[in-house]
């Protein structure tokens, strides 16, 4: 089946995770994506060996976010390399960067430069803090701009007195990449109607604020915030963490109490709680939440989660296990939906979370194994002769 974006030409000149992941999604739906790296390569290639991250036989971050791309190396600090990029831009549909605004002109990639060469170009930029304002040129990662600055890091403390919770790699990058992909797709739709490309952008901070928008909107409206208490002092026993007898934690989330409270009592085999005046109404269950949490702790400790699961599911009660990452990777449901799919190399990868009925995605092929792996082939496709490529190499356009 022909992909939706088959024939679309994309240059991914970005580094690390967020912006390249937007190009990866375009490639999932058929676009031809060139990974443009500086001499020495994208520093993201080395992230899988960083201290504290899982160790393995594959460069799993690189495989995830650069699958199916072809590799081109250009030293954009050199005018010869900029001239090559400008030649490629003539027939490029989407250009992706995460360079901060102040650096773009010196690299020959300012949006007005590239869109003057190709008015149909969709120029997509991903920054940490946005295109304007006093921090437009401030660098950042998802941990700092998306997770810490947006308020999310503060809100997921186990309780108000606990240290802030650190994020893991890519937690904010991939949602921000989805935002950039959405901007690109919207601009491509506009181009279909008007023939004009344009400048689109997203930022890690904007995406983090959107992820935390429920609480940020509360702050904007002047709502009173309640510091998060320890788990055993939570204000609502019906939406809380509990531990089964096997030691595994799970989250109970019962929002429809008129129906789900009696069902929970039936599952627990404690119908007498329904006659307890302390728990007669939702308001009283909140008032006596600590007592009820203690009773639920004792009850749930009586069986393993494997034993509780069919009982809770059968009663239509909303809950789920606090899975480890290894549990999440091996679960059957993501494979059934295609959220985890096979690669052409025989392994598995996490798919982008967008699905269109009747539309299959491009095979999850390997990423460029080394920087510039396809440089000669890509330039030849754009009309460069072998002698011209050699001359560019001698001039240092691909790095020295």
Protein backbone atom coordinates (compact mmCIF):
# COMPACT_ATOMS: atom_id res chain seq x y z
CA UNK A 1 0.00 0.00 0.00
CA UNK A 2 1.28 3.46 -0.91
CA UNK A 3 1.96 5.60 2.16
CA UNK A 4 0.08 8.85 2.69
CA UNK A 5 3.33 10.82 2.46
CA UNK A 6 4.96 8.78 -0.30
CA UNK A 7 6.93 11.19 -2.47
CA UNK A 8 7.32 13.73 0.34
CA UNK A 9 10.97 14.69 0.83
CA UNK A 10 12.10 15.54 4.34
CA UNK A 11 15.47 16.75 5.64
CA UNK A 12 15.87 16.11 9.36
CA UNK A 13 18.68 18.45 10.38
CA UNK A 14 17.83 18.25 14.08
CA UNK A 15 19.61 16.55 16.96
CA UNK A 16 18.59 14.38 19.88
CA UNK A 17 14.94 13.39 20.22
CA UNK A 18 12.01 15.76 19.89
CA UNK A 19 12.38 17.27 16.42
CA UNK A 20 13.81 14.10 14.81
CA UNK A 21 10.85 12.12 16.16
CA UNK A 22 8.50 14.34 14.13
CA UNK A 23 10.45 13.40 11.00
CA UNK A 24 10.27 9.74 12.07
CA UNK A 25 6.47 9.91 12.09
CA UNK A 26 6.47 11.42 8.59
CA UNK A 27 8.64 8.50 7.54
CA UNK A 28 6.27 6.03 9.19
CA UNK A 29 3.62 7.23 6.75
CA UNK A 30 5.82 6.98 3.67
CA UNK A 31 7.96 10.14 3.49
CA UNK A 32 11.58 9.86 2.37
CA UNK A 33 13.64 11.21 5.26
CA UNK A 34 17.29 12.27 5.06
CA UNK A 35 19.08 12.50 8.40
CA UNK A 36 21.48 15.45 8.11
CA UNK A 37 24.22 15.22 10.74
CA UNK A 38 27.23 17.42 11.47
CA UNK A 39 30.74 15.95 11.20
CA UNK A 40 31.11 13.49 14.04
CA UNK A 41 27.39 12.80 14.03
CA UNK A 42 24.39 13.64 16.18
CA UNK A 43 25.35 13.44 19.86
CA UNK A 44 22.19 11.39 20.34
CA UNK A 45 24.08 8.43 18.92
CA UNK A 46 25.96 8.20 22.23
CA UNK A 47 23.00 8.58 24.59
CA UNK A 48 22.41 4.84 24.95
CA UNK A 49 25.76 4.52 26.74
CA UNK A 50 25.11 7.36 29.21
CA UNK A 51 25.47 6.52 32.92
CA UNK A 52 22.36 5.07 34.51
CA UNK A 53 20.60 4.09 31.28
CA UNK A 54 19.85 0.46 30.34
CA UNK A 55 22.77 -1.39 28.75
CA UNK A 56 22.24 -3.51 25.68
CA UNK A 57 23.70 -4.82 22.45
CA UNK A 58 21.90 -2.25 20.27
CA UNK A 59 21.92 1.52 20.13
CA UNK A 60 18.25 1.49 21.08
CA UNK A 61 17.65 5.29 21.27
CA UNK A 62 19.08 5.75 17.79
CA UNK A 63 17.05 2.83 16.41
CA UNK A 64 13.85 4.25 17.90
CA UNK A 65 14.02 7.83 16.65
CA UNK A 66 15.87 7.50 13.36
CA UNK A 67 14.50 4.31 11.85
CA UNK A 68 14.21 4.22 8.10
CA UNK A 69 16.20 7.43 7.49
CA UNK A 70 19.16 7.82 5.14
CA UNK A 71 22.32 9.53 6.33
CA UNK A 72 23.91 12.72 5.01
CA UNK A 73 26.78 14.64 6.59
CA UNK A 74 27.37 18.36 5.98
CA UNK A 75 29.47 20.81 7.95
CA UNK A 76 27.06 23.74 7.83
CA UNK A 77 29.71 26.04 9.30
CA UNK A 78 31.32 25.96 5.85
CA UNK A 79 29.86 27.86 2.88
CA UNK A 80 30.43 24.90 0.55
CA UNK A 81 28.18 22.73 2.73
CA UNK A 82 25.53 25.44 2.98
CA UNK A 83 25.48 25.65 -0.82
CA UNK A 84 24.85 21.90 -1.00
CA UNK A 85 21.96 22.15 1.47
CA UNK A 86 20.46 25.06 -0.44
CA UNK A 87 20.62 22.98 -3.62
CA UNK A 88 18.78 20.13 -1.89
CA UNK A 89 16.20 22.52 -0.44
CA UNK A 90 14.93 23.32 -3.94
CA UNK A 91 13.16 19.96 -4.07
CA UNK A 92 12.59 19.43 -0.32
CA UNK A 93 9.10 19.52 1.17
CA UNK A 94 9.87 19.65 4.89
CA UNK A 95 12.98 20.87 6.71
CA UNK A 96 13.28 20.09 10.43
CA UNK A 97 15.68 21.76 12.85
CA UNK A 98 16.16 22.30 16.57
CA UNK A 99 18.79 25.03 16.25
CA UNK A 100 18.02 28.05 18.39
CA UNK A 101 17.09 31.21 16.43
CA UNK A 102 20.40 33.03 16.94
CA UNK A 103 22.39 30.23 15.25
CA UNK A 104 20.28 29.70 12.15
CA UNK A 105 21.66 32.51 10.00
CA UNK A 106 25.30 31.53 10.56
CA UNK A 107 24.47 27.94 9.57
CA UNK A 108 22.64 29.06 6.44
CA UNK A 109 19.34 27.65 7.66
CA UNK A 110 17.35 30.71 8.72
CA UNK A 111 13.71 30.18 7.69
CA UNK A 112 13.64 33.24 5.44
CA UNK A 113 16.74 31.94 3.62
CA UNK A 114 15.38 28.50 2.91
CA UNK A 115 11.81 29.56 2.12
CA UNK A 116 13.17 32.12 -0.36
CA UNK A 117 14.85 29.24 -2.21
CA UNK A 118 11.69 27.11 -2.09
CA UNK A 119 8.39 28.90 -1.27
CA UNK A 120 6.64 25.51 -0.96
CA UNK A 121 8.97 24.44 1.84
CA UNK A 122 7.48 23.71 5.26
CA UNK A 123 10.16 24.83 7.72
CA UNK A 124 9.65 23.15 11.12
CA UNK A 125 11.52 24.31 14.22
CA UNK A 126 11.61 22.79 17.69
CA UNK A 127 13.10 24.81 20.53
CA UNK A 128 13.21 24.44 24.29
CA UNK A 129 11.42 27.67 25.23
CA UNK A 130 9.84 29.07 22.07
CA UNK A 131 10.66 31.31 19.12
CA UNK A 132 10.18 34.63 20.90
CA UNK A 133 10.68 36.14 24.32
CA UNK A 134 13.77 36.56 26.50
CA UNK A 135 14.52 32.83 26.57
CA UNK A 136 14.12 32.04 22.87
CA UNK A 137 17.82 31.21 22.55
CA UNK A 138 18.08 29.32 25.83
CA UNK A 139 18.97 25.67 25.36
CA UNK A 140 17.20 22.89 27.20
CA UNK A 141 16.20 19.26 27.24
CA UNK A 142 12.84 17.71 27.94
CA UNK A 143 13.86 17.12 31.56
CA UNK A 144 14.44 20.85 32.08
CA UNK A 145 11.98 22.61 29.77
CA UNK A 146 9.10 20.12 29.51
CA UNK A 147 9.23 18.33 32.82
CA UNK A 148 10.75 20.74 35.35
CA UNK A 149 9.68 24.15 34.03
CA UNK A 150 6.05 23.22 33.25
CA UNK A 151 5.19 22.22 36.82
CA UNK A 152 4.93 18.52 36.02
CA UNK A 153 8.03 17.56 38.00
CA UNK A 154 6.65 19.24 41.09
CA UNK A 155 3.20 17.69 40.78
CA UNK A 156 4.27 14.04 40.67
CA UNK A 157 6.05 14.01 43.99
CA UNK A 158 4.77 11.07 46.08
CA UNK A 159 3.78 13.71 48.63
CA UNK A 160 4.45 17.39 49.19
CA UNK A 161 7.48 16.78 51.40
CA UNK A 162 9.22 14.43 48.98
CA UNK A 163 11.95 15.53 46.54
CA UNK A 164 10.83 16.29 42.96
CA UNK A 165 10.66 13.26 40.69
CA UNK A 166 13.19 13.09 37.86
CA UNK A 167 11.92 12.30 34.39
CA UNK A 168 13.33 9.64 32.10
CA UNK A 169 14.83 10.20 28.66
CA UNK A 170 12.32 11.17 25.99
CA UNK A 171 9.36 11.59 28.34
CA UNK A 172 8.70 15.10 27.07
CA UNK A 173 10.56 14.88 23.78
CA UNK A 174 8.11 12.52 22.11
CA UNK A 175 4.97 14.51 23.03
CA UNK A 176 6.73 17.66 21.79
CA UNK A 177 7.66 15.81 18.62
CA UNK A 178 4.00 14.91 18.13
CA UNK A 179 3.14 18.61 18.44
CA UNK A 180 5.69 19.49 15.78
CA UNK A 181 4.40 16.69 13.55
CA UNK A 182 0.88 18.09 13.95
CA UNK A 183 2.09 21.54 12.93
CA UNK A 184 3.87 20.08 9.88
CA UNK A 185 0.82 18.08 8.80
CA UNK A 186 -1.39 21.16 9.20
CA UNK A 187 1.00 23.25 7.12
CA UNK A 188 1.10 20.56 4.43
CA UNK A 189 -2.70 20.63 4.31
CA UNK A 190 -2.60 24.40 3.91
CA UNK A 191 -0.03 24.00 1.14
CA UNK A 192 -2.38 21.69 -0.70
CA UNK A 193 -4.94 24.51 -0.67
CA UNK A 194 -2.68 27.51 -1.30
CA UNK A 195 0.53 26.18 -2.83
CA UNK A 196 2.57 27.96 -0.14
CA UNK A 197 4.76 26.40 2.50
CA UNK A 198 5.51 28.21 5.74
CA UNK A 199 7.24 28.36 9.07
CA UNK A 200 5.87 26.13 11.85
CA UNK A 201 7.24 25.62 15.33
CA UNK A 202 6.74 23.98 18.68
CA UNK A 203 8.65 23.99 21.95
CA UNK A 204 9.29 21.67 24.85
CA UNK A 205 7.88 24.23 27.29
CA UNK A 206 4.68 24.72 25.28
CA UNK A 207 4.18 20.95 25.11
CA UNK A 208 4.85 20.61 28.83
CA UNK A 209 2.33 23.32 29.67
CA UNK A 210 -0.22 21.59 27.44
CA UNK A 211 0.46 18.27 29.18
CA UNK A 212 -0.03 20.02 32.52
CA UNK A 213 -2.84 22.25 31.25
CA UNK A 214 -5.48 20.87 33.65
CA UNK A 215 -3.48 22.19 36.59
CA UNK A 216 -2.06 25.25 34.85
CA UNK A 217 -5.58 26.35 33.94
CA UNK A 218 -6.51 25.96 37.60
CA UNK A 219 -3.63 28.26 38.51
CA UNK A 220 -4.64 30.76 35.82
CA UNK A 221 -8.15 30.83 37.26
CA UNK A 222 -6.87 31.41 40.78
CA UNK A 223 -7.86 28.03 42.19
CA UNK A 224 -6.56 26.98 45.61
CA UNK A 225 -4.00 24.17 45.37
CA UNK A 226 -3.90 21.39 47.94
CA UNK A 227 -0.45 19.93 48.68
CA UNK A 228 -0.32 16.24 47.86
CA UNK A 229 -0.44 14.16 51.07
CA UNK A 230 1.21 10.75 51.59
CA UNK A 231 -0.64 7.84 49.98
CA UNK A 232 -2.22 6.63 53.21
CA UNK A 233 -3.62 10.12 53.81
CA UNK A 234 -5.02 10.64 50.31
CA UNK A 235 -8.31 12.60 50.23
CA UNK A 236 -10.08 10.01 48.07
CA UNK A 237 -9.83 6.29 48.81
CA UNK A 238 -11.62 5.49 45.55
CA UNK A 239 -8.74 6.89 43.49
CA UNK A 240 -5.57 5.74 45.13
CA UNK A 241 -2.64 3.35 44.98
CA UNK A 242 -2.95 -0.06 46.62
CA UNK A 243 -0.70 -3.07 47.03
CA UNK A 244 -1.85 -6.61 46.34
CA UNK A 245 -0.76 -9.58 48.40
CA UNK A 246 1.97 -10.42 45.85
CA UNK A 247 3.61 -7.07 46.50
CA UNK A 248 2.58 -5.46 43.20
CA UNK A 249 1.09 -1.98 43.29
CA UNK A 250 -1.94 -0.97 41.26
CA UNK A 251 -3.99 2.18 40.81
CA UNK A 252 -7.71 2.15 41.57
CA UNK A 253 -9.67 4.90 39.78
CA UNK A 254 -13.39 4.72 40.57
CA UNK A 255 -15.04 7.95 39.42
CA UNK A 256 -18.61 6.65 39.04
CA UNK A 257 -19.18 5.90 42.71
CA UNK A 258 -22.98 5.36 42.61
CA UNK A 259 -22.38 2.30 40.44
CA UNK A 260 -18.83 1.32 41.35
CA UNK A 261 -18.95 1.54 45.17
CA UNK A 262 -21.48 -1.31 45.48
CA UNK A 263 -19.56 -3.30 42.84
CA UNK A 264 -16.32 -2.85 44.75
CA UNK A 265 -17.94 -4.09 47.96
CA UNK A 266 -19.22 -7.16 46.14
CA UNK A 267 -15.75 -7.93 44.77
CA UNK A 268 -14.19 -7.48 48.20
CA UNK A 269 -16.84 -9.62 49.85
CA UNK A 270 -17.56 -6.80 52.30
CA UNK A 271 -21.19 -5.81 51.76
CA UNK A 272 -21.40 -4.68 55.38
CA UNK A 273 -19.27 -1.65 54.51
CA UNK A 274 -22.30 -0.41 52.60
CA UNK A 275 -24.17 -0.14 55.90
CA UNK A 276 -21.33 1.63 57.68
CA UNK A 277 -22.47 5.23 58.35
CA UNK A 278 -18.90 6.45 57.86
CA UNK A 279 -19.07 5.44 54.19
CA UNK A 280 -22.73 6.03 53.38
CA UNK A 281 -22.14 8.82 50.83
CA UNK A 282 -19.25 10.00 48.65
CA UNK A 283 -18.82 13.01 50.95
CA UNK A 284 -18.57 10.76 54.03
CA UNK A 285 -16.13 8.47 52.24
CA UNK A 286 -13.95 11.53 51.63
CA UNK A 287 -14.29 12.64 55.24
CA UNK A 288 -13.24 9.18 56.41
CA UNK A 289 -10.82 8.45 53.59
CA UNK A 290 -7.91 7.47 55.83
CA UNK A 291 -10.01 4.86 57.62
CA UNK A 292 -11.29 3.49 54.32
CA UNK A 293 -7.78 3.37 52.85
CA UNK A 294 -6.67 1.28 55.80
CA UNK A 295 -9.54 -1.16 55.28
CA UNK A 296 -8.83 -1.40 51.54
CA UNK A 297 -5.13 -1.94 52.22
CA UNK A 298 -5.97 -4.88 54.41
CA UNK A 299 -8.49 -6.30 51.95
CA UNK A 300 -6.30 -6.02 48.85
CA UNK A 301 -3.38 -7.65 50.69
CA UNK A 302 -5.44 -10.82 50.85
CA UNK A 303 -4.92 -11.83 47.19
CA UNK A 304 -2.35 -11.48 44.44
CA UNK A 305 -2.95 -9.01 41.65
CA UNK A 306 -3.36 -11.93 39.26
CA UNK A 307 -6.27 -13.07 41.45
CA UNK A 308 -7.74 -9.56 41.78
CA UNK A 309 -7.53 -8.73 38.09
CA UNK A 310 -10.41 -10.92 36.78
CA UNK A 311 -12.59 -9.94 39.72
CA UNK A 312 -12.05 -6.20 39.25
CA UNK A 313 -12.32 -6.43 35.46
CA UNK A 314 -15.44 -8.54 35.71
CA UNK A 315 -17.11 -5.95 37.89
CA UNK A 316 -16.25 -3.14 35.47
CA UNK A 317 -13.96 -1.42 37.97
CA UNK A 318 -11.28 0.84 36.55
CA UNK A 319 -7.76 -0.02 37.68
CA UNK A 320 -4.40 -1.09 36.36
CA UNK A 321 -1.09 -2.42 37.55
CA UNK A 322 1.90 -0.18 38.10
CA UNK A 323 3.92 -1.95 35.44
CA UNK A 324 7.67 -1.97 35.19
CA UNK A 325 9.12 -0.90 31.85
CA UNK A 326 10.01 -4.54 31.21
CA UNK A 327 6.37 -5.48 31.86
CA UNK A 328 5.15 -2.80 29.45
CA UNK A 329 7.56 -3.94 26.73
CA UNK A 330 6.48 -7.59 26.94
CA UNK A 331 2.72 -7.13 27.29
CA UNK A 332 0.41 -8.65 24.68
CA UNK A 333 -1.96 -5.69 24.29
CA UNK A 334 0.56 -3.29 22.65
CA UNK A 335 1.45 -5.96 20.12
CA UNK A 336 -2.22 -6.52 19.36
CA UNK A 337 -2.72 -2.83 18.63
CA UNK A 338 0.58 -2.36 16.80
CA UNK A 339 1.94 0.00 19.44
CA UNK A 340 4.95 -2.31 19.49
CA UNK A 341 5.84 -3.69 16.07
CA UNK A 342 8.59 -5.67 14.45
CA UNK A 343 11.55 -4.14 12.66
CA UNK A 344 12.99 -5.33 9.38
CA UNK A 345 16.02 -6.50 11.37
CA UNK A 346 13.87 -8.97 13.30
CA UNK A 347 13.60 -7.00 16.52
CA UNK A 348 10.82 -4.90 18.00
CA UNK A 349 10.28 -1.15 18.26
CA UNK A 350 7.76 1.28 19.70
CA UNK A 351 5.51 2.61 16.95
CA UNK A 352 4.37 6.21 16.69
CA UNK A 353 0.93 6.49 18.33
CA UNK A 354 -0.98 7.67 15.25
CA UNK A 355 -3.04 5.16 13.31
CA UNK A 356 -5.25 5.55 10.25
CA UNK A 357 -7.66 2.74 9.43
CA UNK A 358 -6.69 0.96 6.24
CA UNK A 359 -3.28 2.64 6.13
CA UNK A 360 -0.24 0.51 6.86
CA UNK A 361 3.00 2.13 7.93
CA UNK A 362 6.41 1.94 6.32
CA UNK A 363 8.60 -0.94 7.49
CA UNK A 364 10.67 -0.10 10.55
CA UNK A 365 14.03 -0.23 8.80
CA UNK A 366 17.41 0.37 10.50
CA UNK A 367 18.65 3.95 11.01
CA UNK A 368 21.82 5.31 9.34
CA UNK A 369 24.56 3.11 10.85
CA UNK A 370 27.21 5.86 10.73
CA UNK A 371 27.01 9.60 10.03
CA UNK A 372 26.75 10.34 6.33
CA UNK A 373 26.26 6.72 5.32
CA UNK A 374 24.34 7.75 2.18
CA UNK A 375 25.99 11.10 1.41
CA UNK A 376 27.35 10.19 -2.01
CA UNK A 377 24.12 8.49 -3.11
CA UNK A 378 21.93 11.38 -1.95
CA UNK A 379 24.04 13.99 -3.70
CA UNK A 380 24.16 11.92 -6.88
CA UNK A 381 20.36 11.80 -6.86
CA UNK A 382 20.40 15.60 -6.81
CA UNK A 383 22.62 15.88 -9.84
CA UNK A 384 26.11 16.03 -8.33
CA UNK A 385 28.79 14.23 -10.31
CA UNK A 386 31.42 12.00 -8.77
CA UNK A 387 34.03 14.69 -9.40
CA UNK A 388 31.89 17.36 -7.73
CA UNK A 389 31.32 15.16 -4.70
CA UNK A 390 35.04 14.50 -4.46
CA UNK A 391 35.72 18.23 -4.68
CA UNK A 392 33.25 18.95 -1.91
CA UNK A 393 34.85 16.31 0.24
CA UNK A 394 38.30 17.76 -0.36
CA UNK A 395 36.97 21.22 0.56
CA UNK A 396 35.71 19.92 3.90
CA UNK A 397 32.00 20.24 3.15
CA UNK A 398 31.42 16.88 4.83
CA UNK A 399 33.86 17.54 7.65
CA UNK A 400 37.56 16.78 7.92
